[in-house]
PDB file of all heavy atoms in Angstrom:
ATOM      1  N   ILE A   1     -19.530   6.880  14.516  1.00  0.00           N
ATOM      2  CA  ILE A   1     -20.747   7.558  14.965  1.00  0.00           C
ATOM      3  C   ILE A   1     -20.470   9.029  15.246  1.00  0.00           C
ATOM      4  O   ILE A   1     -21.293   9.904  14.971  1.00  0.00           O
ATOM      5  CB  ILE A   1     -21.323   6.867  16.220  1.00  0.00           C
ATOM      6  CG1 ILE A   1     -21.850   5.472  15.863  1.00  0.00           C
ATOM      7  CG2 ILE A   1     -22.438   7.695  16.854  1.00  0.00           C
ATOM      8  CD1 ILE A   1     -22.238   4.634  17.059  1.00  0.00           C
ATOM      9  N   ALA A   2     -19.284   9.309  15.805  1.00  0.00           N
ATOM     10  CA  ALA A   2     -18.912  10.682  16.156  1.00  0.00           C
ATOM     11  C   ALA A   2     -18.417  11.485  14.953  1.00  0.00           C
ATOM     12  O   ALA A   2     -18.057  12.654  15.107  1.00  0.00           O
ATOM     13  CB  ALA A   2     -17.842  10.675  17.241  1.00  0.00           C
ATOM     14  N   GLY A   3     -18.372  10.873  13.768  1.00  0.00           N
ATOM     15  CA  GLY A   3     -18.012  11.616  12.570  1.00  0.00           C
ATOM     16  C   GLY A   3     -16.559  11.519  12.148  1.00  0.00           C
ATOM     17  O   GLY A   3     -16.118  12.287  11.288  1.00  0.00           O
ATOM     18  N   TYR A   4     -15.796  10.606  12.747  1.00  0.00           N
ATOM     19  CA  TYR A   4     -14.401  10.407  12.363  1.00  0.00           C
ATOM     20  C   TYR A   4     -14.272   9.243  11.377  1.00  0.00           C
ATOM     21  O   TYR A   4     -15.200   8.451  11.199  1.00  0.00           O
ATOM     22  CB  TYR A   4     -13.547  10.100  13.595  1.00  0.00           C
ATOM     23  CG  TYR A   4     -13.469  11.226  14.597  1.00  0.00           C
ATOM     24  CD1 TYR A   4     -14.162  11.161  15.811  1.00  0.00           C
ATOM     25  CD2 TYR A   4     -12.698  12.359  14.348  1.00  0.00           C
ATOM     26  CE1 TYR A   4     -14.086  12.192  16.739  1.00  0.00           C
ATOM     27  CE2 TYR A   4     -12.614  13.398  15.266  1.00  0.00           C
ATOM     28  CZ  TYR A   4     -13.315  13.300  16.463  1.00  0.00           C
ATOM     29  OH  TYR A   4     -13.242  14.325  17.369  1.00  0.00           O
ATOM     30  N   VAL A   5     -13.094   9.140  10.751  1.00  0.00           N
ATOM     31  CA  VAL A   5     -12.779   8.015   9.875  1.00  0.00           C
ATOM     32  C   VAL A   5     -11.692   7.184  10.558  1.00  0.00           C
ATOM     33  O   VAL A   5     -10.511   7.558  10.525  1.00  0.00           O
ATOM     34  CB  VAL A   5     -12.293   8.487   8.494  1.00  0.00           C
ATOM     35  CG1 VAL A   5     -11.932   7.284   7.619  1.00  0.00           C
ATOM     36  CG2 VAL A   5     -13.353   9.351   7.816  1.00  0.00           C
ATOM     37  N   PRO A   6     -12.056   6.074  11.223  1.00  0.00           N
ATOM     38  CA  PRO A   6     -11.042   5.265  11.910  1.00  0.00           C
ATOM     39  C   PRO A   6     -10.338   4.310  10.950  1.00  0.00           C
ATOM     40  O   PRO A   6     -10.953   3.770  10.024  1.00  0.00           O
ATOM     41  CB  PRO A   6     -11.877   4.488  12.937  1.00  0.00           C
ATOM     42  CG  PRO A   6     -13.216   4.346  12.298  1.00  0.00           C
ATOM     43  CD  PRO A   6     -13.421   5.593  11.457  1.00  0.00           C
ATOM     44  N   VAL A   7      -9.044   4.119  11.181  1.00  0.00           N
ATOM     45  CA  VAL A   7      -8.259   3.163  10.398  1.00  0.00           C
ATOM     46  C   VAL A   7      -7.627   2.193  11.390  1.00  0.00           C
ATOM     47  O   VAL A   7      -6.704   2.565  12.124  1.00  0.00           O
ATOM     48  CB  VAL A   7      -7.173   3.872   9.563  1.00  0.00           C
ATOM     49  CG1 VAL A   7      -6.364   2.857   8.757  1.00  0.00           C
ATOM     50  CG2 VAL A   7      -7.810   4.922   8.637  1.00  0.00           C
ATOM     51  N   PRO A   8      -8.118   0.937  11.457  1.00  0.00           N
ATOM     52  CA  PRO A   8      -7.680   0.016  12.506  1.00  0.00           C
ATOM     53  C   PRO A   8      -6.412  -0.758  12.161  1.00  0.00           C
ATOM     54  O   PRO A   8      -6.176  -1.113  11.002  1.00  0.00           O
ATOM     55  CB  PRO A   8      -8.872  -0.947  12.618  1.00  0.00           C
ATOM     56  CG  PRO A   8      -9.465  -0.970  11.244  1.00  0.00           C
ATOM     57  CD  PRO A   8      -9.246   0.407  10.674  1.00  0.00           C
ATOM     58  N   PHE A   9      -5.610  -1.018  13.199  1.00  0.00           N
ATOM     59  CA  PHE A   9      -4.451  -1.906  13.115  1.00  0.00           C
ATOM     60  C   PHE A   9      -4.405  -2.756  14.374  1.00  0.00           C
ATOM     61  O   PHE A   9      -4.848  -2.325  15.447  1.00  0.00           O
ATOM     62  CB  PHE A   9      -3.149  -1.108  12.963  1.00  0.00           C
ATOM     63  CG  PHE A   9      -2.963  -0.494  11.609  1.00  0.00           C
ATOM     64  CD1 PHE A   9      -3.440   0.780  11.349  1.00  0.00           C
ATOM     65  CD2 PHE A   9      -2.351  -1.206  10.592  1.00  0.00           C
ATOM     66  CE1 PHE A   9      -3.310   1.355  10.094  1.00  0.00           C
ATOM     67  CE2 PHE A   9      -2.210  -0.640   9.326  1.00  0.00           C
ATOM     68  CZ  PHE A   9      -2.688   0.640   9.081  1.00  0.00           C
ATOM     69  N   PHE A  10      -3.860  -3.959  14.233  1.00  0.00           N
ATOM     70  CA  PHE A  10      -3.840  -4.919  15.341  1.00  0.00           C
ATOM     71  C   PHE A  10      -2.423  -5.366  15.699  1.00  0.00           C
ATOM     72  O   PHE A  10      -2.231  -6.076  16.669  1.00  0.00           O
ATOM     73  CB  PHE A  10      -4.686  -6.152  14.973  1.00  0.00           C
ATOM     74  CG  PHE A  10      -6.100  -5.817  14.595  1.00  0.00           C
ATOM     75  CD1 PHE A  10      -6.432  -5.507  13.286  1.00  0.00           C
ATOM     76  CD2 PHE A  10      -7.099  -5.792  15.557  1.00  0.00           C
ATOM     77  CE1 PHE A  10      -7.747  -5.194  12.938  1.00  0.00           C
ATOM     78  CE2 PHE A  10      -8.406  -5.476  15.227  1.00  0.00           C
ATOM     79  CZ  PHE A  10      -8.731  -5.171  13.916  1.00  0.00           C
ATOM     80  N   ASP A  11      -1.443  -4.955  14.924  1.00  0.00           N
ATOM     81  CA  ASP A  11      -0.064  -5.413  15.079  1.00  0.00           C
ATOM     82  C   ASP A  11       0.890  -4.235  14.921  1.00  0.00           C
ATOM     83  O   ASP A  11       0.749  -3.441  13.983  1.00  0.00           O
ATOM     84  CB  ASP A  11       0.222  -6.492  14.029  1.00  0.00           C
ATOM     85  CG  ASP A  11       1.651  -6.981  14.091  1.00  0.00           C
ATOM     86  OD1 ASP A  11       2.524  -6.370  13.444  1.00  0.00           O
ATOM     87  OD2 ASP A  11       1.902  -7.971  14.803  1.00  0.00           O
ATOM     88  N   GLY A  12       1.874  -4.129  15.819  1.00  0.00           N
ATOM     89  CA  GLY A  12       2.791  -3.018  15.787  1.00  0.00           C
ATOM     90  C   GLY A  12       3.667  -2.967  14.545  1.00  0.00           C
ATOM     91  O   GLY A  12       3.920  -1.886  13.996  1.00  0.00           O
ATOM     92  N   GLU A  13       4.132  -4.112  14.094  1.00  0.00           N
ATOM     93  CA  GLU A  13       4.985  -4.148  12.902  1.00  0.00           C
ATOM     94  C   GLU A  13       4.208  -3.745  11.660  1.00  0.00           C
ATOM     95  O   GLU A  13       4.702  -2.982  10.816  1.00  0.00           O
ATOM     96  CB  GLU A  13       5.574  -5.549  12.721  1.00  0.00           C
ATOM     97  CG  GLU A  13       6.625  -5.944  13.745  1.00  0.00           C
ATOM     98  CD  GLU A  13       7.927  -5.168  13.581  1.00  0.00           C
ATOM     99  OE1 GLU A  13       8.095  -4.451  12.564  1.00  0.00           O
ATOM    100  OE2 GLU A  13       8.781  -5.269  14.475  1.00  0.00           O
ATOM    101  N   GLU A  14       2.998  -4.254  11.532  1.00  0.00           N
ATOM    102  CA  GLU A  14       2.154  -3.895  10.393  1.00  0.00           C
ATOM    103  C   GLU A  14       1.866  -2.394  10.388  1.00  0.00           C
ATOM    104  O   GLU A  14       1.917  -1.731   9.351  1.00  0.00           O
ATOM    105  CB  GLU A  14       0.843  -4.679  10.445  1.00  0.00           C
ATOM    106  CG  GLU A  14      -0.116  -4.342   9.310  1.00  0.00           C
ATOM    107  CD  GLU A  14      -1.491  -4.964   9.506  1.00  0.00           C
ATOM    108  OE1 GLU A  14      -1.739  -5.553  10.572  1.00  0.00           O
ATOM    109  OE2 GLU A  14      -2.320  -4.822   8.578  1.00  0.00           O
ATOM    110  N   PHE A  15       1.587  -1.883  11.568  1.00  0.00           N
ATOM    111  CA  PHE A  15       1.328  -0.457  11.714  1.00  0.00           C
ATOM    112  C   PHE A  15       2.551   0.351  11.284  1.00  0.00           C
ATOM    113  O   PHE A  15       2.441   1.346  10.561  1.00  0.00           O
ATOM    114  CB  PHE A  15       0.985  -0.164  13.178  1.00  0.00           C
ATOM    115  CG  PHE A  15       0.757   1.287  13.485  1.00  0.00           C
ATOM    116  CD1 PHE A  15      -0.494   1.860  13.341  1.00  0.00           C
ATOM    117  CD2 PHE A  15       1.799   2.085  13.935  1.00  0.00           C
ATOM    118  CE1 PHE A  15      -0.709   3.201  13.628  1.00  0.00           C
ATOM    119  CE2 PHE A  15       1.597   3.418  14.233  1.00  0.00           C
ATOM    120  CZ  PHE A  15       0.344   3.972  14.073  1.00  0.00           C
ATOM    121  N   SER A  16       3.731  -0.051  11.709  1.00  0.00           N
ATOM    122  CA  SER A  16       4.967   0.652  11.386  1.00  0.00           C
ATOM    123  C   SER A  16       5.222   0.673   9.887  1.00  0.00           C
ATOM    124  O   SER A  16       5.610   1.695   9.321  1.00  0.00           O
ATOM    125  CB  SER A  16       6.140   0.003  12.114  1.00  0.00           C
ATOM    126  OG  SER A  16       7.349   0.666  11.827  1.00  0.00           O
ATOM    127  N   ARG A  17       4.988  -0.462   9.232  1.00  0.00           N
ATOM    128  CA  ARG A  17       5.184  -0.530   7.779  1.00  0.00           C
ATOM    129  C   ARG A  17       4.216   0.410   7.057  1.00  0.00           C
ATOM    130  O   ARG A  17       4.597   1.100   6.104  1.00  0.00           O
ATOM    131  CB  ARG A  17       4.994  -1.968   7.285  1.00  0.00           C
ATOM    132  CG  ARG A  17       6.116  -2.922   7.688  1.00  0.00           C
ATOM    133  CD  ARG A  17       6.033  -4.217   6.900  1.00  0.00           C
ATOM    134  NE  ARG A  17       4.812  -4.952   7.200  1.00  0.00           N
ATOM    135  CZ  ARG A  17       4.700  -5.844   8.191  1.00  0.00           C
ATOM    136  NH1 ARG A  17       5.740  -6.107   8.971  1.00  0.00           N
ATOM    137  NH2 ARG A  17       3.569  -6.490   8.386  1.00  0.00           N
ATOM    138  N   HIS A  18       2.981   0.425   7.517  1.00  0.00           N
ATOM    139  CA  HIS A  18       1.981   1.301   6.902  1.00  0.00           C
ATOM    140  C   HIS A  18       2.373   2.769   7.057  1.00  0.00           C
ATOM    141  O   HIS A  18       2.223   3.569   6.125  1.00  0.00           O
ATOM    142  CB  HIS A  18       0.609   1.054   7.559  1.00  0.00           C
ATOM    143  CG  HIS A  18      -0.463   1.998   7.111  1.00  0.00           C
ATOM    144  ND1 HIS A  18      -1.188   1.802   5.944  1.00  0.00           N
ATOM    145  CD2 HIS A  18      -0.935   3.158   7.655  1.00  0.00           C
ATOM    146  CE1 HIS A  18      -2.054   2.792   5.794  1.00  0.00           C
ATOM    147  NE2 HIS A  18      -1.925   3.626   6.816  1.00  0.00           N
ATOM    148  N   LEU A  19       2.882   3.116   8.227  1.00  0.00           N
ATOM    149  CA  LEU A  19       3.200   4.506   8.533  1.00  0.00           C
ATOM    150  C   LEU A  19       4.313   5.053   7.652  1.00  0.00           C
ATOM    151  O   LEU A  19       4.377   6.255   7.391  1.00  0.00           O
ATOM    152  CB  LEU A  19       3.576   4.623  10.009  1.00  0.00           C
ATOM    153  CG  LEU A  19       3.512   6.015  10.654  1.00  0.00           C
ATOM    154  CD1 LEU A  19       2.106   6.577  10.561  1.00  0.00           C
ATOM    155  CD2 LEU A  19       3.963   5.927  12.109  1.00  0.00           C
ATOM    156  N   LYS A  20       5.191   4.197   7.175  1.00  0.00           N
ATOM    157  CA  LYS A  20       6.288   4.648   6.329  1.00  0.00           C
ATOM    158  C   LYS A  20       5.798   5.223   5.007  1.00  0.00           C
ATOM    159  O   LYS A  20       6.464   6.060   4.385  1.00  0.00           O
ATOM    160  CB  LYS A  20       7.259   3.496   6.066  1.00  0.00           C
ATOM    161  CG  LYS A  20       8.049   3.074   7.302  1.00  0.00           C
ATOM    162  CD  LYS A  20       8.921   1.874   7.007  1.00  0.00           C
ATOM    163  CE  LYS A  20       9.685   1.445   8.260  1.00  0.00           C
ATOM    164  NZ  LYS A  20      10.501   0.229   8.036  1.00  0.00           N
ATOM    165  N   GLU A  21       4.612   4.778   4.576  1.00  0.00           N
ATOM    166  CA  GLU A  21       4.073   5.221   3.288  1.00  0.00           C
ATOM    167  C   GLU A  21       2.846   6.120   3.421  1.00  0.00           C
ATOM    168  O   GLU A  21       2.433   6.750   2.448  1.00  0.00           O
ATOM    169  CB  GLU A  21       3.699   3.988   2.438  1.00  0.00           C
ATOM    170  CG  GLU A  21       4.835   3.017   2.203  1.00  0.00           C
ATOM    171  CD  GLU A  21       5.949   3.628   1.362  1.00  0.00           C
ATOM    172  OE1 GLU A  21       5.648   4.540   0.561  1.00  0.00           O
ATOM    173  OE2 GLU A  21       7.112   3.200   1.505  1.00  0.00           O
ATOM    174  N   ASN A  22       2.252   6.171   4.625  1.00  0.00           N
ATOM    175  CA  ASN A  22       0.992   6.890   4.804  1.00  0.00           C
ATOM    176  C   ASN A  22       1.069   7.766   6.051  1.00  0.00           C
ATOM    177  O   ASN A  22       1.088   7.251   7.170  1.00  0.00           O
ATOM    178  CB  ASN A  22      -0.171   5.902   4.938  1.00  0.00           C
ATOM    179  CG  ASN A  22      -0.319   5.005   3.723  1.00  0.00           C
ATOM    180  OD1 ASN A  22      -0.973   5.355   2.754  1.00  0.00           O
ATOM    181  ND2 ASN A  22       0.322   3.837   3.770  1.00  0.00           N
ATOM    182  N   HIS A  23       1.118   9.080   5.839  1.00  0.00           N
ATOM    183  CA  HIS A  23       1.257  10.015   6.957  1.00  0.00           C
ATOM    184  C   HIS A  23       0.026  10.895   7.145  1.00  0.00           C
ATOM    185  O   HIS A  23       0.004  11.728   8.044  1.00  0.00           O
ATOM    186  CB  HIS A  23       2.466  10.945   6.738  1.00  0.00           C
ATOM    187  CG  HIS A  23       3.748  10.204   6.563  1.00  0.00           C
ATOM    188  ND1 HIS A  23       4.857  10.804   6.008  1.00  0.00           N
ATOM    189  CD2 HIS A  23       4.102   8.936   6.855  1.00  0.00           C
ATOM    190  CE1 HIS A  23       5.855   9.920   5.965  1.00  0.00           C
ATOM    191  NE2 HIS A  23       5.412   8.785   6.474  1.00  0.00           N
ATOM    192  N   ASN A  24      -0.982  10.725   6.299  1.00  0.00           N
ATOM    193  CA  ASN A  24      -2.108  11.653   6.288  1.00  0.00           C
ATOM    194  C   ASN A  24      -3.156  11.281   7.343  1.00  0.00           C
ATOM    195  O   ASN A  24      -4.263  10.829   7.030  1.00  0.00           O
ATOM    196  CB  ASN A  24      -2.744  11.682   4.894  1.00  0.00           C
ATOM    197  CG  ASN A  24      -3.806  12.753   4.764  1.00  0.00           C
ATOM    198  OD1 ASN A  24      -3.755  13.775   5.456  1.00  0.00           O
ATOM    199  ND2 ASN A  24      -4.781  12.529   3.889  1.00  0.00           N
ATOM    200  N   TYR A  25      -2.776  11.453   8.597  1.00  0.00           N
ATOM    201  CA  TYR A  25      -3.686  11.168   9.707  1.00  0.00           C
ATOM    202  C   TYR A  25      -3.657  12.339  10.687  1.00  0.00           C
ATOM    203  O   TYR A  25      -2.662  13.047  10.816  1.00  0.00           O
ATOM    204  CB  TYR A  25      -3.281   9.873  10.418  1.00  0.00           C
ATOM    205  CG  TYR A  25      -3.434   8.650   9.540  1.00  0.00           C
ATOM    206  CD1 TYR A  25      -2.325   8.091   8.904  1.00  0.00           C
ATOM    207  CD2 TYR A  25      -4.674   8.064   9.339  1.00  0.00           C
ATOM    208  CE1 TYR A  25      -2.462   6.982   8.088  1.00  0.00           C
ATOM    209  CE2 TYR A  25      -4.814   6.950   8.532  1.00  0.00           C
ATOM    210  CZ  TYR A  25      -3.708   6.415   7.903  1.00  0.00           C
ATOM    211  OH  TYR A  25      -3.845   5.313   7.099  1.00  0.00           O
TER     212      TYR A  25
END
């Protein structure tokens, strides 16, 4: 609603794996 693009994660390990390949935040 505020005009941002949220990318949700629910698990720390999954988040960590994603971060290794995706830094554009």
